[in-house]
Amino acid sequence: MKDHLSKAEIRKDAVQGAVEAAASTAGEVASILATAIKDIAGAVGGLATEVFEIRDSARQASVEHRAEET
């Protein structure tokens, strides 16, 4: 005996497949974006750390330079 699918069931299966594919793609894109945001935050944080270190080094050099002048 052959199973016979109704037009409604065929449409339901097609819609279900499309929704599942869209959800999977959305999940992949969200994962890519989350990783990119994390990487950007890490890079900006690293830059900020370097800027603070440069500022502190410049202050220390200025203090040492003033001490040498006196």
N, C-alpha and C. Protein backbone atom coordinates (compact mmCIF):
# COMPACT_ATOMS: atom_id res chain seq x y z
N MET A 1 0.85 -1.18 0.00
CA MET A 1 0.00 0.00 0.00
C MET A 1 0.89 1.24 0.00
N LYS A 2 0.57 2.14 -0.86
CA LYS A 2 1.31 3.38 -0.99
C LYS A 2 0.75 4.43 -0.07
N ASP A 3 1.69 5.14 0.63
CA ASP A 3 1.25 6.28 1.44
C ASP A 3 0.97 7.44 0.51
N HIS A 4 -0.09 8.12 0.77
CA HIS A 4 -0.44 9.28 -0.05
C HIS A 4 -0.42 10.51 0.83
N LEU A 5 0.43 11.46 0.49
CA LEU A 5 0.51 12.70 1.25
C LEU A 5 -0.44 13.72 0.64
N SER A 6 -1.15 14.39 1.52
CA SER A 6 -2.05 15.43 1.02
C SER A 6 -1.24 16.67 0.67
N LYS A 7 -1.84 17.53 -0.13
CA LYS A 7 -1.18 18.80 -0.48
C LYS A 7 -0.86 19.59 0.78
N ALA A 8 -1.72 19.56 1.76
CA ALA A 8 -1.51 20.30 3.01
C ALA A 8 -0.28 19.75 3.75
N GLU A 9 -0.12 18.42 3.76
CA GLU A 9 1.04 17.84 4.45
C GLU A 9 2.32 18.15 3.70
N ILE A 10 2.27 18.14 2.40
CA ILE A 10 3.44 18.49 1.59
C ILE A 10 3.83 19.94 1.86
N ARG A 11 2.87 20.85 1.90
CA ARG A 11 3.14 22.25 2.21
C ARG A 11 3.71 22.41 3.61
N LYS A 12 3.11 21.68 4.56
CA LYS A 12 3.59 21.73 5.94
C LYS A 12 5.04 21.28 6.01
N ASP A 13 5.38 20.22 5.34
CA ASP A 13 6.76 19.71 5.34
C ASP A 13 7.71 20.72 4.70
N ALA A 14 7.27 21.36 3.62
CA ALA A 14 8.10 22.36 2.95
C ALA A 14 8.33 23.57 3.85
N VAL A 15 7.28 24.03 4.51
CA VAL A 15 7.39 25.17 5.41
C VAL A 15 8.27 24.80 6.60
N GLN A 16 8.07 23.61 7.14
CA GLN A 16 8.88 23.15 8.27
C GLN A 16 10.36 23.11 7.87
N GLY A 17 10.67 22.57 6.71
CA GLY A 17 12.06 22.52 6.24
C GLY A 17 12.65 23.91 6.08
N ALA A 18 11.87 24.83 5.52
CA ALA A 18 12.36 26.19 5.32
C ALA A 18 12.60 26.89 6.65
N VAL A 19 11.69 26.71 7.60
CA VAL A 19 11.85 27.33 8.92
C VAL A 19 13.07 26.75 9.64
N GLU A 20 13.25 25.45 9.56
CA GLU A 20 14.42 24.82 10.19
C GLU A 20 15.72 25.33 9.56
N ALA A 21 15.75 25.46 8.24
CA ALA A 21 16.95 25.97 7.56
C ALA A 21 17.22 27.41 7.97
N ALA A 22 16.17 28.22 8.03
CA ALA A 22 16.33 29.63 8.41
C ALA A 22 16.83 29.73 9.86
N ALA A 23 16.28 28.92 10.74
CA ALA A 23 16.70 28.95 12.14
C ALA A 23 18.16 28.52 12.27
N SER A 24 18.55 27.51 11.54
CA SER A 24 19.94 27.05 11.58
C SER A 24 20.88 28.13 11.07
N THR A 25 20.51 28.77 9.98
CA THR A 25 21.33 29.85 9.42
C THR A 25 21.41 31.02 10.39
N ALA A 26 20.29 31.39 10.99
CA ALA A 26 20.29 32.48 11.96
C ALA A 26 21.20 32.15 13.14
N GLY A 27 21.19 30.91 13.59
CA GLY A 27 22.07 30.49 14.67
C GLY A 27 23.54 30.60 14.29
N GLU A 28 23.86 30.19 13.07
CA GLU A 28 25.24 30.29 12.60
C GLU A 28 25.70 31.75 12.53
N VAL A 29 24.84 32.61 11.99
CA VAL A 29 25.17 34.03 11.89
C VAL A 29 25.33 34.64 13.28
N ALA A 30 24.45 34.29 14.21
CA ALA A 30 24.55 34.81 15.57
C ALA A 30 25.86 34.37 16.21
N SER A 31 26.26 33.14 15.97
CA SER A 31 27.52 32.65 16.52
C SER A 31 28.71 33.40 15.93
N ILE A 32 28.68 33.65 14.64
CA ILE A 32 29.75 34.40 13.98
C ILE A 32 29.83 35.81 14.55
N LEU A 33 28.68 36.45 14.69
CA LEU A 33 28.65 37.82 15.23
C LEU A 33 29.13 37.86 16.68
N ALA A 34 28.71 36.89 17.48
CA ALA A 34 29.12 36.87 18.88
C ALA A 34 30.64 36.72 18.98
N THR A 35 31.21 35.86 18.15
CA THR A 35 32.66 35.68 18.15
C THR A 35 33.36 36.95 17.70
N ALA A 36 32.81 37.59 16.67
CA ALA A 36 33.42 38.83 16.17
C ALA A 36 33.37 39.93 17.24
N ILE A 37 32.26 40.06 17.92
CA ILE A 37 32.12 41.07 18.97
C ILE A 37 33.11 40.79 20.10
N LYS A 38 33.25 39.52 20.48
CA LYS A 38 34.20 39.14 21.53
C LYS A 38 35.62 39.48 21.10
N ASP A 39 35.97 39.17 19.85
CA ASP A 39 37.31 39.46 19.36
C ASP A 39 37.58 40.97 19.30
N ILE A 40 36.58 41.74 18.89
CA ILE A 40 36.73 43.20 18.82
C ILE A 40 36.92 43.76 20.23
N ALA A 41 36.12 43.27 21.17
CA ALA A 41 36.25 43.74 22.56
C ALA A 41 37.63 43.42 23.11
N GLY A 42 38.15 42.25 22.79
CA GLY A 42 39.49 41.89 23.24
C GLY A 42 40.56 42.78 22.63
N ALA A 43 40.42 43.08 21.34
CA ALA A 43 41.40 43.94 20.66
C ALA A 43 41.36 45.36 21.23
N VAL A 44 40.17 45.89 21.44
CA VAL A 44 40.04 47.24 21.99
C VAL A 44 40.57 47.28 23.41
N GLY A 45 40.29 46.25 24.18
CA GLY A 45 40.81 46.18 25.55
C GLY A 45 42.33 46.12 25.56
N GLY A 46 42.91 45.37 24.63
CA GLY A 46 44.36 45.31 24.52
C GLY A 46 44.96 46.65 24.16
N LEU A 47 44.31 47.36 23.25
CA LEU A 47 44.76 48.70 22.89
C LEU A 47 44.71 49.63 24.10
N ALA A 48 43.62 49.58 24.84
CA ALA A 48 43.49 50.44 26.01
C ALA A 48 44.59 50.14 27.02
N THR A 49 44.90 48.87 27.22
CA THR A 49 45.98 48.50 28.14
C THR A 49 47.30 49.10 27.68
N GLU A 50 47.59 48.99 26.38
CA GLU A 50 48.83 49.56 25.85
C GLU A 50 48.88 51.07 26.03
N VAL A 51 47.76 51.74 25.80
CA VAL A 51 47.71 53.20 25.96
C VAL A 51 47.99 53.57 27.42
N PHE A 52 47.39 52.84 28.37
CA PHE A 52 47.65 53.11 29.79
C PHE A 52 49.13 52.90 30.12
N GLU A 53 49.72 51.84 29.58
CA GLU A 53 51.13 51.57 29.84
C GLU A 53 52.03 52.67 29.24
N ILE A 54 51.70 53.13 28.05
CA ILE A 54 52.47 54.22 27.42
C ILE A 54 52.34 55.49 28.24
N ARG A 55 51.12 55.78 28.70
CA ARG A 55 50.90 56.97 29.52
C ARG A 55 51.72 56.90 30.81
N ASP A 56 51.70 55.75 31.46
CA ASP A 56 52.46 55.59 32.70
C ASP A 56 53.96 55.71 32.44
N SER A 57 54.43 55.15 31.34
CA SER A 57 55.86 55.26 31.00
C SER A 57 56.24 56.72 30.73
N ALA A 58 55.38 57.44 30.03
CA ALA A 58 55.65 58.85 29.75
C ALA A 58 55.68 59.66 31.05
N ARG A 59 54.77 59.37 31.96
CA ARG A 59 54.77 60.07 33.25
C ARG A 59 56.06 59.77 34.01
N GLN A 60 56.45 58.51 34.04
CA GLN A 60 57.67 58.13 34.76
C GLN A 60 58.89 58.80 34.13
N ALA A 61 58.95 58.83 32.82
CA ALA A 61 60.07 59.49 32.14
C ALA A 61 60.11 60.97 32.47
N SER A 62 58.94 61.59 32.53
CA SER A 62 58.85 63.01 32.86
C SER A 62 59.35 63.27 34.28
N VAL A 63 58.95 62.41 35.21
CA VAL A 63 59.39 62.55 36.60
C VAL A 63 60.90 62.39 36.68
N GLU A 64 61.43 61.38 36.00
CA GLU A 64 62.88 61.14 36.02
C GLU A 64 63.63 62.31 35.38
N HIS A 65 63.08 62.87 34.31
CA HIS A 65 63.73 63.99 33.62
C HIS A 65 63.77 65.22 34.55
N ARG A 66 62.66 65.47 35.25
CA ARG A 66 62.63 66.60 36.19
C ARG A 66 63.63 66.39 37.33
N ALA A 67 63.75 65.17 37.79
CA ALA A 67 64.68 64.86 38.89
C ALA A 67 66.12 65.08 38.45
N GLU A 68 66.42 64.78 37.21
CA GLU A 68 67.78 64.98 36.70
C GLU A 68 68.12 66.48 36.56
N GLU A 69 67.12 67.31 36.30
CA GLU A 69 67.34 68.74 36.12
C GLU A 69 67.62 69.44 37.44
N THR A 70 67.24 68.88 38.54
CA THR A 70 67.43 69.55 39.85
C THR A 70 68.70 69.15 40.51
